[in-house]
PDB file of N, CA and C in Angstrom:
ATOM      1  N   MET A   1       0.819  -1.184   0.000  1.00  0.00           N
ATOM      2  CA  MET A   1       0.000   0.000   0.000  1.00  0.00           C
ATOM      3  C   MET A   1       0.872   1.261   0.000  1.00  0.00           C
ATOM      4  N   ARG A   2       1.974   1.194   0.745  1.00  0.00           N
ATOM      5  CA  ARG A   2       2.880   2.349   0.801  1.00  0.00           C
ATOM      6  C   ARG A   2       3.412   2.692  -0.586  1.00  0.00           C
ATOM      7  N   THR A   3       3.764   1.661  -1.335  1.00  0.00           N
ATOM      8  CA  THR A   3       4.304   1.870  -2.678  1.00  0.00           C
ATOM      9  C   THR A   3       3.254   2.483  -3.597  1.00  0.00           C
ATOM     10  N   LEU A   4       2.033   1.988  -3.506  1.00  0.00           N
ATOM     11  CA  LEU A   4       0.952   2.510  -4.339  1.00  0.00           C
ATOM     12  C   LEU A   4       0.696   3.989  -4.054  1.00  0.00           C
ATOM     13  N   ILE A   5       0.627   4.348  -2.800  1.00  0.00           N
ATOM     14  CA  ILE A   5       0.403   5.755  -2.431  1.00  0.00           C
ATOM     15  C   ILE A   5       1.582   6.616  -2.864  1.00  0.00           C
ATOM     16  N   GLY A   6       2.792   6.111  -2.685  1.00  0.00           N
ATOM     17  CA  GLY A   6       3.971   6.872  -3.078  1.00  0.00           C
ATOM     18  C   GLY A   6       4.010   7.140  -4.568  1.00  0.00           C
ATOM     19  N   TRP A   7       3.785   6.109  -5.376  1.00  0.00           N
ATOM     20  CA  TRP A   7       3.849   6.287  -6.826  1.00  0.00           C
ATOM     21  C   TRP A   7       2.663   7.076  -7.368  1.00  0.00           C
ATOM     22  N   LEU A   8       1.512   6.951  -6.737  1.00  0.00           N
ATOM     23  CA  LEU A   8       0.368   7.753  -7.163  1.00  0.00           C
ATOM     24  C   LEU A   8       0.628   9.240  -6.911  1.00  0.00           C
ATOM     25  N   SER A   9       1.173   9.560  -5.757  1.00  0.00           N
ATOM     26  CA  SER A   9       1.493  10.961  -5.470  1.00  0.00           C
ATOM     27  C   SER A   9       2.619  11.461  -6.379  1.00  0.00           C
ATOM     28  N   ALA A  10       3.568  10.591  -6.724  1.00  0.00           N
ATOM     29  CA  ALA A  10       4.630  10.979  -7.655  1.00  0.00           C
ATOM     30  C   ALA A  10       4.061  11.261  -9.036  1.00  0.00           C
ATOM     31  N   TRP A  11       3.114  10.444  -9.474  1.00  0.00           N
ATOM     32  CA  TRP A  11       2.494  10.637 -10.780  1.00  0.00           C
ATOM     33  C   TRP A  11       1.730  11.963 -10.830  1.00  0.00           C
ATOM     34  N   ILE A  12       0.971  12.257  -9.786  1.00  0.00           N
ATOM     35  CA  ILE A  12       0.201  13.505  -9.746  1.00  0.00           C
ATOM     36  C   ILE A  12       1.131  14.714  -9.701  1.00  0.00           C
ATOM     37  N   ALA A  13       2.132  14.658  -8.831  1.00  0.00           N
ATOM     38  CA  ALA A  13       3.076  15.771  -8.726  1.00  0.00           C
ATOM     39  C   ALA A  13       3.871  15.949 -10.015  1.00  0.00           C
ATOM     40  N   GLY A  14       4.261  14.854 -10.644  1.00  0.00           N
ATOM     41  CA  GLY A  14       4.997  14.936 -11.904  1.00  0.00           C
ATOM     42  C   GLY A  14       4.161  15.547 -13.016  1.00  0.00           C
ATOM     43  N   ALA A  15       2.879  15.204 -13.040  1.00  0.00           N
ATOM     44  CA  ALA A  15       1.987  15.786 -14.052  1.00  0.00           C
ATOM     45  C   ALA A  15       1.822  17.287 -13.846  1.00  0.00           C
ATOM     46  N   ILE A  16       1.717  17.696 -12.610  1.00  0.00           N
ATOM     47  CA  ILE A  16       1.622  19.132 -12.315  1.00  0.00           C
ATOM     48  C   ILE A  16       2.931  19.825 -12.697  1.00  0.00           C
ATOM     49  N   GLY A  17       4.056  19.195 -12.379  1.00  0.00           N
ATOM     50  CA  GLY A  17       5.355  19.755 -12.751  1.00  0.00           C
ATOM     51  C   GLY A  17       5.514  19.858 -14.257  1.00  0.00           C
ATOM     52  N   TRP A  18       5.053  18.844 -14.979  1.00  0.00           N
ATOM     53  CA  TRP A  18       5.117  18.886 -16.441  1.00  0.00           C
ATOM     54  C   TRP A  18       4.284  20.045 -16.964  1.00  0.00           C
ATOM     55  N   TRP A  19       3.090  20.193 -16.437  1.00  0.00           N
ATOM     56  CA  TRP A  19       2.190  21.255 -16.887  1.00  0.00           C
ATOM     57  C   TRP A  19       2.825  22.639 -16.652  1.00  0.00           C
ATOM     58  N   LEU A  20       3.432  22.812 -15.486  1.00  0.00           N
ATOM     59  CA  LEU A  20       4.082  24.095 -15.191  1.00  0.00           C
ATOM     60  C   LEU A  20       5.325  24.307 -16.062  1.00  0.00           C
ATOM     61  N   GLY A  21       6.153  23.284 -16.211  1.00  0.00           N
ATOM     62  CA  GLY A  21       7.374  23.413 -16.986  1.00  0.00           C
ATOM     63  C   GLY A  21       7.133  23.566 -18.475  1.00  0.00           C
ATOM     64  N   ALA A  22       6.033  23.002 -18.977  1.00  0.00           N
ATOM     65  CA  ALA A  22       5.736  23.076 -20.407  1.00  0.00           C
ATOM     66  C   ALA A  22       5.422  24.500 -20.849  1.00  0.00           C
ATOM     67  N   LYS A  23       5.077  25.349 -19.914  1.00  0.00           N
ATOM     68  CA  LYS A  23       4.825  26.752 -20.247  1.00  0.00           C
ATOM     69  C   LYS A  23       6.111  27.449 -20.680  1.00  0.00           C
ATOM     70  N   VAL A  24       7.261  26.908 -20.259  1.00  0.00           N
ATOM     71  CA  VAL A  24       8.555  27.484 -20.610  1.00  0.00           C
ATOM     72  C   VAL A  24       9.158  26.770 -21.818  1.00  0.00           C
ATOM     73  N   GLY A  25       9.171  25.429 -21.773  1.00  0.00           N
ATOM     74  CA  GLY A  25       9.742  24.662 -22.877  1.00  0.00           C
ATOM     75  C   GLY A  25       9.810  23.189 -22.539  1.00  0.00           C
ATOM     76  N   LEU A  26      10.199  22.380 -23.520  1.00  0.00           N
ATOM     77  CA  LEU A  26      10.211  20.935 -23.354  1.00  0.00           C
ATOM     78  C   LEU A  26      11.245  20.475 -22.327  1.00  0.00           C
ATOM     79  N   ILE A  27      12.453  20.973 -22.416  1.00  0.00           N
ATOM     80  CA  ILE A  27      13.508  20.553 -21.484  1.00  0.00           C
ATOM     81  C   ILE A  27      13.153  20.972 -20.060  1.00  0.00           C
ATOM     82  N   THR A  28      12.612  22.147 -19.915  1.00  0.00           N
ATOM     83  CA  THR A  28      12.173  22.614 -18.594  1.00  0.00           C
ATOM     84  C   THR A  28      11.072  21.721 -18.056  1.00  0.00           C
ATOM     85  N   ALA A  29      10.156  21.300 -18.918  1.00  0.00           N
ATOM     86  CA  ALA A  29       9.076  20.416 -18.490  1.00  0.00           C
ATOM     87  C   ALA A  29       9.623  19.088 -17.986  1.00  0.00           C
ATOM     88  N   VAL A  30      10.618  18.538 -18.662  1.00  0.00           N
ATOM     89  CA  VAL A  30      11.208  17.269 -18.245  1.00  0.00           C
ATOM     90  C   VAL A  30      11.887  17.419 -16.885  1.00  0.00           C
ATOM     91  N   ILE A  31      12.658  18.469 -16.719  1.00  0.00           N
ATOM     92  CA  ILE A  31      13.387  18.678 -15.462  1.00  0.00           C
ATOM     93  C   ILE A  31      12.433  18.946 -14.303  1.00  0.00           C
ATOM     94  N   VAL A  32      11.483  19.837 -14.509  1.00  0.00           N
ATOM     95  CA  VAL A  32      10.533  20.172 -13.438  1.00  0.00           C
ATOM     96  C   VAL A  32       9.674  18.957 -13.096  1.00  0.00           C
ATOM     97  N   SER A  33       9.279  18.181 -14.089  1.00  0.00           N
ATOM     98  CA  SER A  33       8.486  16.984 -13.844  1.00  0.00           C
ATOM     99  C   SER A  33       9.268  15.961 -13.025  1.00  0.00           C
ATOM    100  N   ALA A  34      10.529  15.784 -13.338  1.00  0.00           N
ATOM    101  CA  ALA A  34      11.355  14.834 -12.580  1.00  0.00           C
ATOM    102  C   ALA A  34      11.525  15.285 -11.132  1.00  0.00           C
ATOM    103  N   LEU A  35      11.765  16.561 -10.935  1.00  0.00           N
ATOM    104  CA  LEU A  35      11.945  17.076  -9.574  1.00  0.00           C
ATOM    105  C   LEU A  35      10.665  16.992  -8.752  1.00  0.00           C
ATOM    106  N   THR A  36       9.557  17.398  -9.356  1.00  0.00           N
ATOM    107  CA  THR A  36       8.296  17.347  -8.609  1.00  0.00           C
ATOM    108  C   THR A  36       7.826  15.901  -8.418  1.00  0.00           C
ATOM    109  N   GLY A  37       8.133  15.032  -9.367  1.00  0.00           N
ATOM    110  CA  GLY A  37       7.793  13.622  -9.191  1.00  0.00           C
ATOM    111  C   GLY A  37       8.546  13.011  -8.024  1.00  0.00           C
ATOM    112  N   ALA A  38       9.827  13.322  -7.918  1.00  0.00           N
ATOM    113  CA  ALA A  38      10.620  12.828  -6.790  1.00  0.00           C
ATOM    114  C   ALA A  38      10.099  13.389  -5.470  1.00  0.00           C
ATOM    115  N   ALA A  39       9.745  14.658  -5.474  1.00  0.00           N
ATOM    116  CA  ALA A  39       9.194  15.265  -4.259  1.00  0.00           C
ATOM    117  C   ALA A  39       7.844  14.633  -3.908  1.00  0.00           C
ATOM    118  N   GLY A  40       7.040  14.331  -4.914  1.00  0.00           N
ATOM    119  CA  GLY A  40       5.764  13.679  -4.669  1.00  0.00           C
ATOM    120  C   GLY A  40       5.927  12.280  -4.108  1.00  0.00           C
ATOM    121  N   LEU A  41       6.906  11.534  -4.610  1.00  0.00           N
ATOM    122  CA  LEU A  41       7.190  10.202  -4.088  1.00  0.00           C
ATOM    123  C   LEU A  41       7.587  10.275  -2.625  1.00  0.00           C
ATOM    124  N   TYR A  42       8.470  11.188  -2.311  1.00  0.00           N
ATOM    125  CA  TYR A  42       8.913  11.380  -0.933  1.00  0.00           C
ATOM    126  C   TYR A  42       7.743  11.782  -0.036  1.00  0.00           C
ATOM    127  N   ALA A  43       6.923  12.723  -0.516  1.00  0.00           N
ATOM    128  CA  ALA A  43       5.781  13.184   0.283  1.00  0.00           C
ATOM    129  C   ALA A  43       4.767  12.067   0.496  1.00  0.00           C
ATOM    130  N   GLY A  44       4.531  11.254  -0.529  1.00  0.00           N
ATOM    131  CA  GLY A  44       3.607  10.139  -0.378  1.00  0.00           C
ATOM    132  C   GLY A  44       4.087   9.118   0.630  1.00  0.00           C
ATOM    133  N   PHE A  45       5.375   8.798   0.579  1.00  0.00           N
ATOM    134  CA  PHE A  45       5.935   7.860   1.547  1.00  0.00           C
ATOM    135  C   PHE A  45       5.860   8.422   2.959  1.00  0.00           C
ATOM    136  N   ARG A  46       6.194   9.680   3.117  1.00  0.00           N
ATOM    137  CA  ARG A  46       6.140  10.292   4.454  1.00  0.00           C
ATOM    138  C   ARG A  46       4.722  10.341   4.979  1.00  0.00           C
ATOM    139  N   TRP A  47       3.771  10.687   4.112  1.00  0.00           N
ATOM    140  CA  TRP A  47       2.371  10.737   4.541  1.00  0.00           C
ATOM    141  C   TRP A  47       1.911   9.369   5.023  1.00  0.00           C
ATOM    142  N   PHE A  48       2.265   8.324   4.268  1.00  0.00           N
ATOM    143  CA  PHE A  48       1.890   6.975   4.665  1.00  0.00           C
ATOM    144  C   PHE A  48       2.509   6.617   6.001  1.00  0.00           C
ATOM    145  N   ASP A  49       3.794   6.901   6.175  1.00  0.00           N
ATOM    146  CA  ASP A  49       4.478   6.549   7.413  1.00  0.00           C
ATOM    147  C   ASP A  49       3.898   7.274   8.621  1.00  0.00           C
ATOM    148  N   ARG A  50       3.469   8.499   8.435  1.00  0.00           N
ATOM    149  CA  ARG A  50       2.896   9.268   9.543  1.00  0.00           C
ATOM    150  C   ARG A  50       1.463   8.857   9.878  1.00  0.00           C
ATOM    151  N   ASN A  51       0.674   8.557   8.856  1.00  0.00           N
ATOM    152  CA  ASN A  51      -0.756   8.383   9.079  1.00  0.00           C
ATOM    153  C   ASN A  51      -1.256   6.936   9.079  1.00  0.00           C
ATOM    154  N   LEU A  52      -0.589   6.055   8.382  1.00  0.00           N
ATOM    155  CA  LEU A  52      -1.139   4.708   8.235  1.00  0.00           C
ATOM    156  C   LEU A  52      -0.263   3.600   8.786  1.00  0.00           C
ATOM    157  N   ARG A  53       0.898   3.915   9.245  1.00  0.00           N
ATOM    158  CA  ARG A  53       1.776   2.879   9.754  1.00  0.00           C
ATOM    159  C   ARG A  53       1.618   2.706  11.228  1.00  0.00           C
TER     160      ARG A  53
END
């Protein structure tokens, strides 16, 4: 369950990062998406550990 929540939050955060970065350009979208996806994964794991473990 932890993995599912982590990757789901990474997917959502990455999509938001892509949307924001695409306003500037393709390379920016890739970089911002990767950074926000990693942050989303971390946030999802932390949320699970705090609330459901």
